[in-house]
Amino acid sequence: MSARKTKNQDAKPMLFSPLNYKLIGLGVMLIAAGFTAMKLENEVYGLISLYISPVVILAGYITVIYAILKKDHKLDEPSENATT
């Protein structure tokens, strides 16, 4: 009977916190919105294509990088139910 493990014992901790996943999603949406706006304007020297979209895309990449590097200190603390 002891060879069987319960679902909680098999569960691996999440790599990122829920906030990190939300930030990654936001960053991906910003990147997609920037490229979409650039495509919809369809002008090489337009205002959106030259100035606005690159800033939005760069903000998206910065958001994704920040979300990957941000460390949640709550995940580092050992849980009360952890066995030693």
PDB file of N, CA and C in Angstrom:
ATOM      1  N   MET A   1       0.809  -1.197   0.000  1.00  0.00           N
ATOM      2  CA  MET A   1       0.000   0.000   0.000  1.00  0.00           C
ATOM      3  C   MET A   1       0.854   1.264   0.000  1.00  0.00           C
ATOM      4  N   SER A   2       2.018   1.200   0.630  1.00  0.00           N
ATOM      5  CA  SER A   2       2.838   2.401   0.697  1.00  0.00           C
ATOM      6  C   SER A   2       3.495   2.723  -0.640  1.00  0.00           C
ATOM      7  N   ALA A   3       3.490   1.768  -1.568  1.00  0.00           N
ATOM      8  CA  ALA A   3       4.087   2.011  -2.886  1.00  0.00           C
ATOM      9  C   ALA A   3       3.239   2.969  -3.711  1.00  0.00           C
ATOM     10  N   ARG A   4       1.973   3.034  -3.393  1.00  0.00           N
ATOM     11  CA  ARG A   4       1.095   3.962  -4.116  1.00  0.00           C
ATOM     12  C   ARG A   4       1.315   5.373  -3.603  1.00  0.00           C
ATOM     13  N   LYS A   5       1.376   6.274  -4.535  1.00  0.00           N
ATOM     14  CA  LYS A   5       1.539   7.676  -4.157  1.00  0.00           C
ATOM     15  C   LYS A   5       0.238   8.412  -4.427  1.00  0.00           C
ATOM     16  N   THR A   6      -0.057   9.322  -3.566  1.00  0.00           N
ATOM     17  CA  THR A   6      -1.257  10.113  -3.792  1.00  0.00           C
ATOM     18  C   THR A   6      -0.966  11.193  -4.815  1.00  0.00           C
ATOM     19  N   LYS A   7      -2.006  11.827  -5.246  1.00  0.00           N
ATOM     20  CA  LYS A   7      -1.872  12.860  -6.268  1.00  0.00           C
ATOM     21  C   LYS A   7      -1.037  14.040  -5.769  1.00  0.00           C
ATOM     22  N   ASN A   8      -1.152  14.371  -4.507  1.00  0.00           N
ATOM     23  CA  ASN A   8      -0.404  15.502  -3.955  1.00  0.00           C
ATOM     24  C   ASN A   8       1.092  15.217  -3.881  1.00  0.00           C
ATOM     25  N   GLN A   9       1.475  13.986  -3.658  1.00  0.00           N
ATOM     26  CA  GLN A   9       2.889  13.651  -3.574  1.00  0.00           C
ATOM     27  C   GLN A   9       3.544  13.662  -4.947  1.00  0.00           C
ATOM     28  N   ASP A  10       2.798  13.341  -5.997  1.00  0.00           N
ATOM     29  CA  ASP A  10       3.339  13.333  -7.349  1.00  0.00           C
ATOM     30  C   ASP A  10       3.384  14.723  -7.963  1.00  0.00           C
ATOM     31  N   ALA A  11       2.636  15.632  -7.416  1.00  0.00           N
ATOM     32  CA  ALA A  11       2.541  16.962  -8.018  1.00  0.00           C
ATOM     33  C   ALA A  11       3.876  17.688  -7.911  1.00  0.00           C
ATOM     34  N   LYS A  12       4.317  18.208  -9.037  1.00  0.00           N
ATOM     35  CA  LYS A  12       5.546  18.992  -9.060  1.00  0.00           C
ATOM     36  C   LYS A  12       5.173  20.456  -8.880  1.00  0.00           C
ATOM     37  N   PRO A  13       6.035  21.212  -8.235  1.00  0.00           N
ATOM     38  CA  PRO A  13       5.718  22.637  -8.069  1.00  0.00           C
ATOM     39  C   PRO A  13       5.719  23.346  -9.416  1.00  0.00           C
ATOM     40  N   MET A  14       4.909  24.378  -9.504  1.00  0.00           N
ATOM     41  CA  MET A  14       4.833  25.144 -10.745  1.00  0.00           C
ATOM     42  C   MET A  14       6.152  25.860 -10.978  1.00  0.00           C
ATOM     43  N   LEU A  15       6.542  25.950 -12.240  1.00  0.00           N
ATOM     44  CA  LEU A  15       7.789  26.613 -12.590  1.00  0.00           C
ATOM     45  C   LEU A  15       7.694  28.114 -12.328  1.00  0.00           C
ATOM     46  N   PHE A  16       6.544  28.695 -12.670  1.00  0.00           N
ATOM     47  CA  PHE A  16       6.311  30.117 -12.461  1.00  0.00           C
ATOM     48  C   PHE A  16       5.063  30.289 -11.613  1.00  0.00           C
ATOM     49  N   SER A  17       4.926  31.468 -11.043  1.00  0.00           N
ATOM     50  CA  SER A  17       3.714  31.782 -10.295  1.00  0.00           C
ATOM     51  C   SER A  17       2.616  32.182 -11.284  1.00  0.00           C
ATOM     52  N   PRO A  18       1.374  32.219 -10.843  1.00  0.00           N
ATOM     53  CA  PRO A  18       0.295  32.651 -11.748  1.00  0.00           C
ATOM     54  C   PRO A  18       0.507  34.058 -12.301  1.00  0.00           C
ATOM     55  N   LEU A  19       1.123  34.930 -11.517  1.00  0.00           N
ATOM     56  CA  LEU A  19       1.413  36.281 -12.002  1.00  0.00           C
ATOM     57  C   LEU A  19       2.384  36.237 -13.178  1.00  0.00           C
ATOM     58  N   ASN A  20       3.379  35.362 -13.101  1.00  0.00           N
ATOM     59  CA  ASN A  20       4.337  35.242 -14.195  1.00  0.00           C
ATOM     60  C   ASN A  20       3.633  34.810 -15.481  1.00  0.00           C
ATOM     61  N   TYR A  21       2.731  33.851 -15.370  1.00  0.00           N
ATOM     62  CA  TYR A  21       2.014  33.385 -16.559  1.00  0.00           C
ATOM     63  C   TYR A  21       1.132  34.492 -17.141  1.00  0.00           C
ATOM     64  N   LYS A  22       0.530  35.286 -16.277  1.00  0.00           N
ATOM     65  CA  LYS A  22      -0.289  36.402 -16.765  1.00  0.00           C
ATOM     66  C   LYS A  22       0.572  37.439 -17.481  1.00  0.00           C
ATOM     67  N   LEU A  23       1.748  37.713 -16.930  1.00  0.00           N
ATOM     68  CA  LEU A  23       2.651  38.670 -17.569  1.00  0.00           C
ATOM     69  C   LEU A  23       3.168  38.145 -18.907  1.00  0.00           C
ATOM     70  N   ILE A  24       3.450  36.855 -18.983  1.00  0.00           N
ATOM     71  CA  ILE A  24       3.883  36.270 -20.255  1.00  0.00           C
ATOM     72  C   ILE A  24       2.763  36.382 -21.279  1.00  0.00           C
ATOM     73  N   GLY A  25       1.536  36.103 -20.869  1.00  0.00           N
ATOM     74  CA  GLY A  25       0.397  36.244 -21.777  1.00  0.00           C
ATOM     75  C   GLY A  25       0.210  37.675 -22.242  1.00  0.00           C
ATOM     76  N   LEU A  26       0.372  38.617 -21.329  1.00  0.00           N
ATOM     77  CA  LEU A  26       0.267  40.031 -21.693  1.00  0.00           C
ATOM     78  C   LEU A  26       1.351  40.414 -22.689  1.00  0.00           C
ATOM     79  N   GLY A  27       2.560  39.950 -22.460  1.00  0.00           N
ATOM     80  CA  GLY A  27       3.654  40.246 -23.374  1.00  0.00           C
ATOM     81  C   GLY A  27       3.422  39.678 -24.761  1.00  0.00           C
ATOM     82  N   VAL A  28       2.933  38.455 -24.827  1.00  0.00           N
ATOM     83  CA  VAL A  28       2.642  37.834 -26.126  1.00  0.00           C
ATOM     84  C   VAL A  28       1.532  38.594 -26.841  1.00  0.00           C
ATOM     85  N   MET A  29       0.526  39.036 -26.092  1.00  0.00           N
ATOM     86  CA  MET A  29      -0.547  39.818 -26.718  1.00  0.00           C
ATOM     87  C   MET A  29      -0.035  41.162 -27.228  1.00  0.00           C
ATOM     88  N   LEU A  30       0.876  41.797 -26.489  1.00  0.00           N
ATOM     89  CA  LEU A  30       1.460  43.055 -26.956  1.00  0.00           C
ATOM     90  C   LEU A  30       2.263  42.849 -28.239  1.00  0.00           C
ATOM     91  N   ILE A  31       3.022  41.778 -28.291  1.00  0.00           N
ATOM     92  CA  ILE A  31       3.803  41.484 -29.495  1.00  0.00           C
ATOM     93  C   ILE A  31       2.876  41.249 -30.679  1.00  0.00           C
ATOM     94  N   ALA A  32       1.838  40.448 -30.464  1.00  0.00           N
ATOM     95  CA  ALA A  32       0.887  40.175 -31.546  1.00  0.00           C
ATOM     96  C   ALA A  32       0.160  41.446 -31.975  1.00  0.00           C
ATOM     97  N   ALA A  33      -0.206  42.294 -31.021  1.00  0.00           N
ATOM     98  CA  ALA A  33      -0.898  43.543 -31.361  1.00  0.00           C
ATOM     99  C   ALA A  33       0.009  44.475 -32.150  1.00  0.00           C
ATOM    100  N   GLY A  34       1.276  44.525 -31.791  1.00  0.00           N
ATOM    101  CA  GLY A  34       2.214  45.379 -32.516  1.00  0.00           C
ATOM    102  C   GLY A  34       2.396  44.941 -33.958  1.00  0.00           C
ATOM    103  N   PHE A  35       2.574  43.636 -34.163  1.00  0.00           N
ATOM    104  CA  PHE A  35       2.728  43.143 -35.531  1.00  0.00           C
ATOM    105  C   PHE A  35       1.434  43.277 -36.332  1.00  0.00           C
ATOM    106  N   THR A  36       0.300  43.077 -35.664  1.00  0.00           N
ATOM    107  CA  THR A  36      -0.986  43.223 -36.347  1.00  0.00           C
ATOM    108  C   THR A  36      -1.216  44.668 -36.763  1.00  0.00           C
ATOM    109  N   ALA A  37      -0.922  45.605 -35.881  1.00  0.00           N
ATOM    110  CA  ALA A  37      -1.086  47.024 -36.224  1.00  0.00           C
ATOM    111  C   ALA A  37      -0.164  47.415 -37.368  1.00  0.00           C
ATOM    112  N   MET A  38       1.033  46.862 -37.365  1.00  0.00           N
ATOM    113  CA  MET A  38       1.973  47.160 -38.440  1.00  0.00           C
ATOM    114  C   MET A  38       1.459  46.619 -39.779  1.00  0.00           C
ATOM    115  N   LYS A  39       0.869  45.442 -39.732  1.00  0.00           N
ATOM    116  CA  LYS A  39       0.346  44.832 -40.959  1.00  0.00           C
ATOM    117  C   LYS A  39      -0.916  45.546 -41.433  1.00  0.00           C
ATOM    118  N   LEU A  40      -1.773  45.959 -40.520  1.00  0.00           N
ATOM    119  CA  LEU A  40      -3.034  46.588 -40.906  1.00  0.00           C
ATOM    120  C   LEU A  40      -2.829  47.959 -41.530  1.00  0.00           C
ATOM    121  N   GLU A  41      -1.803  48.680 -41.100  1.00  0.00           N
ATOM    122  CA  GLU A  41      -1.570  49.996 -41.690  1.00  0.00           C
ATOM    123  C   GLU A  41      -1.111  49.849 -43.137  1.00  0.00           C
ATOM    124  N   ASN A  42      -0.297  48.846 -43.399  1.00  0.00           N
ATOM    125  CA  ASN A  42       0.118  48.487 -44.757  1.00  0.00           C
ATOM    126  C   ASN A  42       0.854  49.620 -45.476  1.00  0.00           C
ATOM    127  N   GLU A  43       1.548  50.455 -44.733  1.00  0.00           N
ATOM    128  CA  GLU A  43       2.393  51.499 -45.313  1.00  0.00           C
ATOM    129  C   GLU A  43       3.789  51.363 -44.730  1.00  0.00           C
ATOM    130  N   VAL A  44       4.787  51.502 -45.586  1.00  0.00           N
ATOM    131  CA  VAL A  44       6.159  51.351 -45.115  1.00  0.00           C
ATOM    132  C   VAL A  44       6.569  52.521 -44.231  1.00  0.00           C
ATOM    133  N   TYR A  45       6.197  53.726 -44.610  1.00  0.00           N
ATOM    134  CA  TYR A  45       6.614  54.915 -43.875  1.00  0.00           C
ATOM    135  C   TYR A  45       5.457  55.544 -43.097  1.00  0.00           C
ATOM    136  N   GLY A  46       4.517  54.751 -42.659  1.00  0.00           N
ATOM    137  CA  GLY A  46       3.386  55.272 -41.899  1.00  0.00           C
ATOM    138  C   GLY A  46       3.749  55.515 -40.445  1.00  0.00           C
ATOM    139  N   LEU A  47       2.923  56.287 -39.775  1.00  0.00           N
ATOM    140  CA  LEU A  47       3.157  56.633 -38.375  1.00  0.00           C
ATOM    141  C   LEU A  47       3.148  55.388 -37.488  1.00  0.00           C
ATOM    142  N   ILE A  48       2.156  54.541 -37.675  1.00  0.00           N
ATOM    143  CA  ILE A  48       2.041  53.354 -36.832  1.00  0.00           C
ATOM    144  C   ILE A  48       3.187  52.385 -37.102  1.00  0.00           C
ATOM    145  N   SER A  49       3.510  52.176 -38.379  1.00  0.00           N
ATOM    146  CA  SER A  49       4.556  51.216 -38.731  1.00  0.00           C
ATOM    147  C   SER A  49       5.936  51.647 -38.270  1.00  0.00           C
ATOM    148  N   LEU A  50       6.193  52.930 -38.262  1.00  0.00           N
ATOM    149  CA  LEU A  50       7.536  53.401 -37.910  1.00  0.00           C
ATOM    150  C   LEU A  50       7.724  53.712 -36.433  1.00  0.00           C
ATOM    151  N   TYR A  51       6.681  54.173 -35.754  1.00  0.00           N
ATOM    152  CA  TYR A  51       6.872  54.672 -34.397  1.00  0.00           C
ATOM    153  C   TYR A  51       6.092  53.906 -33.328  1.00  0.00           C
ATOM    154  N   ILE A  52       4.847  53.625 -33.573  1.00  0.00           N
ATOM    155  CA  ILE A  52       4.010  53.050 -32.522  1.00  0.00           C
ATOM    156  C   ILE A  52       4.215  51.542 -32.397  1.00  0.00           C
ATOM    157  N   SER A  53       4.134  50.818 -33.503  1.00  0.00           N
ATOM    158  CA  SER A  53       4.258  49.361 -33.454  1.00  0.00           C
ATOM    159  C   SER A  53       5.598  48.881 -32.903  1.00  0.00           C
ATOM    160  N   PRO A  54       6.725  49.452 -33.307  1.00  0.00           N
ATOM    161  CA  PRO A  54       7.987  48.979 -32.713  1.00  0.00           C
ATOM    162  C   PRO A  54       8.058  49.171 -31.200  1.00  0.00           C
ATOM    163  N   VAL A  55       7.476  50.246 -30.704  1.00  0.00           N
ATOM    164  CA  VAL A  55       7.474  50.477 -29.258  1.00  0.00           C
ATOM    165  C   VAL A  55       6.594  49.442 -28.561  1.00  0.00           C
ATOM    166  N   VAL A  56       5.442  49.125 -29.154  1.00  0.00           N
ATOM    167  CA  VAL A  56       4.543  48.124 -28.573  1.00  0.00           C
ATOM    168  C   VAL A  56       5.205  46.747 -28.593  1.00  0.00           C
ATOM    169  N   ILE A  57       5.865  46.409 -29.688  1.00  0.00           N
ATOM    170  CA  ILE A  57       6.543  45.115 -29.789  1.00  0.00           C
ATOM    171  C   ILE A  57       7.682  45.032 -28.776  1.00  0.00           C
ATOM    172  N   LEU A  58       8.464  46.088 -28.658  1.00  0.00           N
ATOM    173  CA  LEU A  58       9.555  46.110 -27.690  1.00  0.00           C
ATOM    174  C   LEU A  58       9.022  45.995 -26.263  1.00  0.00           C
ATOM    175  N   ALA A  59       7.916  46.664 -25.976  1.00  0.00           N
ATOM    176  CA  ALA A  59       7.300  46.548 -24.650  1.00  0.00           C
ATOM    177  C   ALA A  59       6.850  45.116 -24.386  1.00  0.00           C
ATOM    178  N   GLY A  60       6.347  44.445 -25.413  1.00  0.00           N
ATOM    179  CA  GLY A  60       5.948  43.049 -25.267  1.00  0.00           C
ATOM    180  C   GLY A  60       7.126  42.151 -24.947  1.00  0.00           C
ATOM    181  N   TYR A  61       8.233  42.326 -25.665  1.00  0.00           N
ATOM    182  CA  TYR A  61       9.422  41.520 -25.398  1.00  0.00           C
ATOM    183  C   TYR A  61       9.988  41.803 -24.006  1.00  0.00           C
ATOM    184  N   ILE A  62       9.995  43.050 -23.601  1.00  0.00           N
ATOM    185  CA  ILE A  62      10.487  43.395 -22.264  1.00  0.00           C
ATOM    186  C   ILE A  62       9.591  42.782 -21.193  1.00  0.00           C
ATOM    187  N   THR A  63       8.280  42.781 -21.420  1.00  0.00           N
ATOM    188  CA  THR A  63       7.346  42.183 -20.468  1.00  0.00           C
ATOM    189  C   THR A  63       7.583  40.688 -20.334  1.00  0.00           C
ATOM    190  N   VAL A  64       7.799  40.002 -21.449  1.00  0.00           N
ATOM    191  CA  VAL A  64       8.047  38.559 -21.405  1.00  0.00           C
ATOM    192  C   VAL A  64       9.359  38.268 -20.676  1.00  0.00           C
ATOM    193  N   ILE A  65      10.395  39.022 -20.964  1.00  0.00           N
ATOM    194  CA  ILE A  65      11.685  38.809 -20.298  1.00  0.00           C
ATOM    195  C   ILE A  65      11.562  39.067 -18.799  1.00  0.00           C
ATOM    196  N   TYR A  66      10.854  40.124 -18.427  1.00  0.00           N
ATOM    197  CA  TYR A  66      10.650  40.423 -17.008  1.00  0.00           C
ATOM    198  C   TYR A  66       9.873  39.296 -16.325  1.00  0.00           C
ATOM    199  N   ALA A  67       8.852  38.779 -17.005  1.00  0.00           N
ATOM    200  CA  ALA A  67       8.039  37.712 -16.417  1.00  0.00           C
ATOM    201  C   ALA A  67       8.855  36.441 -16.218  1.00  0.00           C
ATOM    202  N   ILE A  68       9.776  36.168 -17.123  1.00  0.00           N
ATOM    203  CA  ILE A  68      10.609  34.975 -16.981  1.00  0.00           C
ATOM    204  C   ILE A  68      11.610  35.148 -15.839  1.00  0.00           C
ATOM    205  N   LEU A  69      12.170  36.326 -15.706  1.00  0.00           N
ATOM    206  CA  LEU A  69      13.200  36.552 -14.694  1.00  0.00           C
ATOM    207  C   LEU A  69      12.652  36.857 -13.307  1.00  0.00           C
ATOM    208  N   LYS A  70      11.382  37.283 -13.206  1.00  0.00           N
ATOM    209  CA  LYS A  70      10.795  37.638 -11.913  1.00  0.00           C
ATOM    210  C   LYS A  70      10.652  36.382 -11.061  1.00  0.00           C
ATOM    211  N   LYS A  71      11.137  36.478  -9.844  1.00  0.00           N
ATOM    212  CA  LYS A  71      11.084  35.338  -8.945  1.00  0.00           C
ATOM    213  C   LYS A  71      10.039  35.597  -7.873  1.00  0.00           C
ATOM    214  N   ASP A  72       9.172  34.634  -7.666  1.00  0.00           N
ATOM    215  CA  ASP A  72       8.156  34.752  -6.632  1.00  0.00           C
ATOM    216  C   ASP A  72       8.707  34.127  -5.360  1.00  0.00           C
ATOM    217  N   HIS A  73       8.853  34.920  -4.329  1.00  0.00           N
ATOM    218  CA  HIS A  73       9.458  34.439  -3.094  1.00  0.00           C
ATOM    219  C   HIS A  73       8.521  33.504  -2.331  1.00  0.00           C
ATOM    220  N   LYS A  74       7.240  33.540  -2.628  1.00  0.00           N
ATOM    221  CA  LYS A  74       6.302  32.641  -1.962  1.00  0.00           C
ATOM    222  C   LYS A  74       6.534  31.197  -2.380  1.00  0.00           C
ATOM    223  N   LEU A  75       7.004  30.971  -3.607  1.00  0.00           N
ATOM    224  CA  LEU A  75       7.247  29.614  -4.079  1.00  0.00           C
ATOM    225  C   LEU A  75       8.514  29.020  -3.478  1.00  0.00           C
ATOM    226  N   ASP A  76       9.418  29.845  -2.975  1.00  0.00           N
ATOM    227  CA  ASP A  76      10.663  29.360  -2.393  1.00  0.00           C
ATOM    228  C   ASP A  76      10.483  28.837  -0.974  1.00  0.00           C
ATOM    229  N   GLU A  77       9.478  29.336  -0.279  1.00  0.00           N
ATOM    230  CA  GLU A  77       9.256  28.922   1.096  1.00  0.00           C
ATOM    231  C   GLU A  77       8.746  27.489   1.120  1.00  0.00           C
ATOM    232  N   PRO A  78       9.285  26.663   2.008  1.00  0.00           N
ATOM    233  CA  PRO A  78       8.787  25.287   2.085  1.00  0.00           C
ATOM    234  C   PRO A  78       7.362  25.270   2.627  1.00  0.00           C
ATOM    235  N   SER A  79       6.570  24.394   2.088  1.00  0.00           N
ATOM    236  CA  SER A  79       5.181  24.319   2.538  1.00  0.00           C
ATOM    237  C   SER A  79       5.121  23.626   3.891  1.00  0.00           C
ATOM    238  N   GLU A  80       4.047  23.850   4.602  1.00  0.00           N
ATOM    239  CA  GLU A  80       3.889  23.275   5.932  1.00  0.00           C
ATOM    240  C   GLU A  80       3.653  21.774   5.863  1.00  0.00           C
ATOM    241  N   ASN A  81       3.102  21.288   4.753  1.00  0.00           N
ATOM    242  CA  ASN A  81       2.778  19.879   4.622  1.00  0.00           C
ATOM    243  C   ASN A  81       3.928  19.062   4.049  1.00  0.00           C
ATOM    244  N   ALA A  82       5.038  19.688   3.746  1.00  0.00           N
ATOM    245  CA  ALA A  82       6.160  18.977   3.133  1.00  0.00           C
ATOM    246  C   ALA A  82       6.792  18.033   4.151  1.00  0.00           C
ATOM    247  N   THR A  83       7.137  16.848   3.686  1.00  0.00           N
ATOM    248  CA  THR A  83       7.781  15.877   4.562  1.00  0.00           C
ATOM    249  C   THR A  83       9.282  15.959   4.386  1.00  0.00           C
ATOM    250  N   THR A  84      10.009  15.643   5.445  1.00  0.00           N
ATOM    251  CA  THR A  84      11.471  15.712   5.371  1.00  0.00           C
ATOM    252  C   THR A  84      12.091  14.363   5.267  1.00  0.00           C
TER     253      THR A  84
END
